[in-house]
Protein backbone atom coordinates (compact mmCIF):
# COMPACT_ATOMS: atom_id res chain seq x y z
CA MET A 1 -4.37 -12.11 -16.52
CA ALA A 2 -5.66 -12.79 -13.03
CA SER A 3 -6.39 -16.47 -12.62
CA ILE A 4 -8.46 -18.51 -10.21
CA SER A 5 -6.72 -20.82 -7.78
CA SER A 6 -8.50 -23.90 -6.51
CA SER A 7 -6.27 -23.82 -3.43
CA LEU A 8 -8.00 -20.71 -2.02
CA ARG A 9 -10.27 -22.61 0.34
CA THR A 10 -9.58 -21.02 3.73
CA VAL A 11 -10.02 -17.52 5.15
CA GLU A 12 -6.26 -17.16 5.45
CA ASP A 13 -5.66 -18.22 1.83
CA ILE A 14 -8.25 -15.80 0.47
CA PHE A 15 -6.96 -12.93 2.62
CA LYS A 16 -3.39 -13.64 1.51
CA ASP A 17 -4.54 -13.46 -2.12
CA TYR A 18 -6.46 -10.23 -1.42
CA ASN A 19 -3.48 -8.63 0.34
CA ALA A 20 -1.05 -9.58 -2.43
CA ARG A 21 -3.30 -8.14 -5.15
CA ARG A 22 -3.84 -5.03 -3.03
CA THR A 23 -0.08 -4.59 -2.57
CA GLY A 24 0.38 -4.63 -6.34
CA LEU A 25 -2.31 -1.98 -6.78
CA VAL A 26 -0.84 0.18 -4.00
CA ARG A 27 2.45 0.15 -5.91
CA ALA A 28 0.72 1.16 -9.13
CA LEU A 29 -0.92 4.12 -7.39
CA THR A 30 2.15 5.22 -5.38
CA TYR A 31 5.64 3.89 -6.20
CA ASP A 32 4.99 3.31 -9.90
CA VAL A 33 2.39 6.02 -10.38
CA ASP A 34 4.27 7.78 -13.20
CA MET A 35 4.60 4.53 -15.14
CA PHE A 36 0.95 3.65 -14.44
CA TYR A 37 -0.19 7.09 -15.59
CA SER A 38 1.74 6.84 -18.85
CA LEU A 39 0.36 3.38 -19.63
CA CYS A 40 -3.23 4.63 -19.39
CA ASP A 41 -3.15 6.51 -22.69
CA PRO A 42 -6.71 7.63 -23.61
CA GLU A 43 -5.91 6.87 -27.27
CA LYS A 44 -5.64 3.15 -26.50
CA GLU A 45 -8.49 0.67 -26.24
CA ASN A 46 -10.46 -0.07 -23.05
CA LEU A 47 -7.85 -0.81 -20.40
CA CYS A 48 -8.13 -2.42 -16.97
CA LEU A 49 -5.85 -2.32 -13.93
CA TYR A 50 -5.11 -5.74 -12.45
CA GLY A 51 -3.39 -6.71 -9.21
CA HIS A 52 -1.81 -10.17 -9.24
CA PRO A 53 -1.19 -12.73 -6.47
CA ASP A 54 2.58 -12.20 -6.83
CA GLU A 55 2.14 -8.53 -5.72
CA SER A 56 2.63 -7.19 -9.25
CA TRP A 57 0.24 -5.00 -11.24
CA GLU A 58 -0.69 -4.80 -14.90
CA VAL A 59 -2.57 -2.45 -17.22
CA THR A 60 -4.04 -4.47 -20.06
CA LEU A 61 -7.15 -5.32 -22.05
CA PRO A 62 -9.94 -7.23 -20.29
CA ALA A 63 -10.34 -10.97 -20.62
CA GLU A 64 -11.91 -12.07 -23.89
CA GLU A 65 -13.95 -14.95 -22.51
CA VAL A 66 -17.46 -14.24 -21.20
CA PRO A 67 -18.01 -14.75 -18.38
CA SER A 68 -14.41 -14.31 -17.32
CA GLU A 69 -12.63 -16.64 -14.93
CA LEU A 70 -12.65 -13.97 -12.21
CA PRO A 71 -14.64 -10.74 -11.76
CA GLU A 72 -13.20 -8.08 -14.06
CA PRO A 73 -11.85 -4.65 -12.98
CA ALA A 74 -13.44 -1.42 -14.19
CA LEU A 75 -13.20 -1.14 -17.96
CA GLY A 76 -11.74 1.87 -19.77
CA ILE A 77 -9.98 3.60 -16.88
CA ASN A 78 -7.70 5.30 -19.42
CA PHE A 79 -10.50 7.24 -21.16
CA ALA A 80 -11.02 9.69 -18.28
CA ARG A 81 -7.32 10.28 -17.60
CA ASP A 82 -6.83 13.56 -19.47
CA GLY A 83 -10.26 14.94 -18.58
CA MET A 84 -9.59 15.05 -14.83
CA LYS A 85 -6.97 16.32 -12.45
CA ARG A 86 -4.36 13.62 -11.92
CA ARG A 87 -5.09 13.22 -8.21
CA ASP A 88 -8.85 12.98 -8.82
CA TRP A 89 -8.35 10.43 -11.58
CA LEU A 90 -6.12 8.28 -9.38
CA SER A 91 -8.72 8.45 -6.60
CA LEU A 92 -11.41 7.33 -9.05
CA VAL A 93 -9.30 4.40 -10.24
CA ALA A 94 -8.60 3.53 -6.60
CA VAL A 95 -12.32 3.39 -5.75
CA HIS A 96 -13.02 1.05 -8.66
CA SER A 97 -9.99 -1.03 -7.72
CA ASP A 98 -11.29 -1.35 -4.15
CA CYS A 99 -14.57 -2.66 -5.57
CA TRP A 100 -12.70 -5.16 -7.73
CA LEU A 101 -10.60 -6.45 -4.84
CA LEU A 102 -13.73 -7.00 -2.76
CA SER A 103 -15.52 -8.73 -5.62
CA VAL A 104 -12.62 -11.14 -6.13
CA ALA A 105 -12.46 -11.84 -2.39
CA PHE A 106 -16.20 -12.48 -2.28
CA TYR A 107 -15.94 -14.68 -5.36
CA PHE A 108 -13.69 -16.98 -3.36
CA GLY A 109 -15.44 -16.26 -0.05
CA ALA A 110 -18.86 -17.27 -1.36
CA ARG A 111 -17.81 -20.85 -0.66
CA LEU A 112 -17.18 -20.08 3.01
CA ASN A 113 -19.75 -20.26 5.77
CA ARG A 114 -21.23 -17.17 7.39
CA ASN A 115 -18.77 -16.94 10.27
CA GLU A 116 -15.78 -17.46 8.00
CA ARG A 117 -16.94 -14.70 5.64
CA LYS A 118 -17.44 -12.39 8.60
CA ARG A 119 -13.87 -13.07 9.76
CA LEU A 120 -12.50 -12.60 6.23
CA PHE A 121 -14.10 -9.20 5.72
CA SER A 122 -13.13 -8.12 9.21
CA MET A 123 -9.49 -8.81 8.28
CA ILE A 124 -9.94 -6.91 5.01
CA ASN A 125 -11.56 -3.98 6.79
CA ASP A 126 -8.52 -3.59 9.05
CA LEU A 127 -6.49 -2.46 6.01
CA PRO A 128 -6.77 1.06 4.54
CA THR A 129 -8.64 1.17 1.25
CA LEU A 130 -6.85 2.04 -1.95
CA PHE A 131 -8.97 5.19 -2.08
CA GLU A 132 -7.62 6.26 1.33
CA VAL A 133 -4.07 5.68 0.10
CA ALA A 134 -4.48 7.42 -3.28
CA SER A 135 -6.58 10.36 -2.12
CA GLY A 136 -4.49 11.08 0.96
CA ARG A 137 -7.51 10.55 3.20
CA LYS A 138 -4.96 8.84 5.45
CA ALA A 139 -1.98 10.65 4.05
CA VAL A 140 1.37 8.90 3.88
CA LYS A 141 3.08 12.26 4.42
CA ASP A 142 1.36 12.69 7.78
CA LYS A 143 4.33 10.79 9.07
CA PRO A 144 5.22 9.85 12.63
CA SER A 145 7.94 11.95 14.20
CA MET A 146 11.15 10.01 14.45
CA ASP A 147 11.02 10.22 18.24
CA SER A 148 7.86 8.12 18.30
CA GLY A 149 8.40 4.56 19.39
CA SER A 150 7.51 1.89 21.88
CA LYS A 151 8.69 0.15 25.01
CA SER A 152 10.10 -2.64 22.87
CA ARG A 153 12.63 -0.59 20.84
CA ASN A 154 14.58 2.63 20.52
CA SER A 155 13.76 4.94 17.64
CA THR A 156 15.85 7.39 15.64
CA LYS A 157 15.27 10.99 14.66
CA ARG A 158 16.48 12.58 11.46
CA SER A 159 17.59 16.18 11.39
CA LEU A 160 17.33 18.37 8.29
CA ASP A 161 20.91 17.60 7.29
CA GLY A 162 20.15 13.87 7.20
CA SER A 163 22.09 12.90 10.31
CA ILE A 164 20.58 10.55 12.87
CA ARG A 165 20.19 11.27 16.55
CA ASN A 166 19.22 8.66 19.12
CA SER A 167 16.04 9.47 21.01
CA ASN A 168 15.62 8.92 24.71
CA PRO A 169 13.64 5.66 25.19
CA LYS A 170 12.41 6.75 28.61
CA LEU A 171 10.76 9.82 27.16
CA LEU A 172 9.28 7.67 24.42
CA ASP A 173 7.66 5.39 26.95
CA GLU A 174 6.00 8.28 28.75
CA SER A 175 4.37 9.58 25.57
CA TYR A 176 3.55 6.17 24.12
CA GLY A 177 -0.23 6.58 24.14
CA GLU A 178 -0.13 10.09 22.71
CA GLU A 179 2.18 9.07 19.86
CA GLU A 180 -0.08 6.15 18.94
CA ASP A 181 -3.09 8.47 18.67
CA GLU A 182 -1.20 11.18 16.78
CA HIS A 183 0.20 8.92 14.07
CA GLY A 184 -2.45 6.23 13.87
CA ASP A 185 -3.48 7.32 10.35
CA THR A 186 0.02 7.07 8.86
CA LEU A 187 0.35 4.39 6.19
CA CYS A 188 3.34 2.31 5.15
CA GLY A 189 4.50 3.40 1.69
CA SER A 190 5.10 -0.24 0.75
CA CYS A 191 2.21 -2.34 2.07
CA GLY A 192 -0.23 0.48 2.94
CA GLY A 193 -0.60 -0.84 6.50
CA ASN A 194 -1.41 1.43 9.42
CA TYR A 195 1.22 2.89 11.71
CA ASN A 196 1.86 0.83 14.84
CA ALA A 197 4.24 2.07 17.50
CA ASP A 198 5.17 -1.52 18.33
CA GLU A 199 6.92 -1.85 14.98
CA PHE A 200 10.10 -0.25 13.64
CA TRP A 201 9.49 2.42 10.99
CA ILE A 202 11.92 4.37 8.82
CA GLY A 203 11.34 7.53 6.75
CA CYS A 204 12.73 8.23 3.29
CA ASP A 205 14.73 11.46 3.24
CA ILE A 206 13.87 11.99 -0.44
CA CYS A 207 10.12 11.43 -0.82
CA GLU A 208 9.34 11.65 2.93
CA ARG A 209 7.21 8.52 2.91
CA TRP A 210 7.35 6.15 5.84
CA PHE A 211 7.80 2.39 5.80
CA HIS A 212 7.72 -0.64 8.04
CA GLY A 213 11.34 -1.61 8.51
CA LYS A 214 10.44 -5.17 7.57
CA CYS A 215 8.88 -4.03 4.27
CA VAL A 216 12.10 -2.37 3.12
CA ARG A 217 14.40 -4.81 4.95
CA ILE A 218 15.87 -2.23 7.29
CA THR A 219 16.48 -3.08 10.94
CA PRO A 220 17.04 -0.57 13.76
CA ALA A 221 20.70 -1.59 13.77
CA LYS A 222 21.06 -0.86 10.06
CA ALA A 223 19.23 2.45 10.43
CA ASP A 224 21.78 3.64 12.98
CA ASN A 225 24.45 3.45 10.26
CA ILE A 226 22.47 5.23 7.54
CA LYS A 227 23.12 8.96 7.13
CA GLN A 228 20.48 9.50 4.47
CA TYR A 229 17.88 6.82 3.82
CA LYS A 230 16.44 6.43 0.31
CA CYS A 231 13.51 4.05 -0.18
CA PRO A 232 13.66 1.43 -2.98
CA SER A 233 11.59 3.63 -5.30
CA CYS A 234 13.78 6.71 -4.85
CA SER A 235 16.95 4.61 -5.14
CA THR A 236 15.71 3.25 -8.47
CA LYS A 237 14.82 6.72 -9.77
CA ARG A 238 18.20 8.13 -8.76
CA GLY A 239 19.93 5.21 -10.42
CA ARG A 240 18.12 5.86 -13.72
CA GLN A 241 18.94 9.56 -13.59
């Protein structure tokens, strides 16, 4: 179960905790969505979705103690599963999970002063909500073209056959502003962070999601030697098959 940590005394500590829990929930609603869906059997008791500080997620019964050590997630998310379209149900769970994340952050943030709380929630507001990720409001598949990039790096472009072609960095520089505007709503399939042309991104040739290179441990140099990139989730699925 989620547990309180007496060490969460600064804005940075609380935001780190928020971001880690959020990352776990993003995985439940994207990478591990099939597993998450199957665990929410309507025939089971009231279930809650938890995000943990180690970036993991868990579907389990609520805490028995009253009041609980931390604010509790929405109760009984599994009951509505079969009565709604899958996408709508996931969006509903995402909204309630957003509320839970904020309540946990405020639980810790209540001990901060006014300016510190303002800074904390400004940092939180810079991240896409779980609802935006799950509902496609900022769709992951609205991906940046592989010839988008920045003055600080070259980018690569994948053709339909999976081969990689180097893009012209001079042309990238000229269209830098336009690319930033066009792909500003793209989200990383791992951390859910917004697209930034100053960072290296790579697209999965299987699920077509896009990722920060740092999130999937792929550098531009490594990408140049990959004929067909498969993200960690797709690699795991293929391995099981």
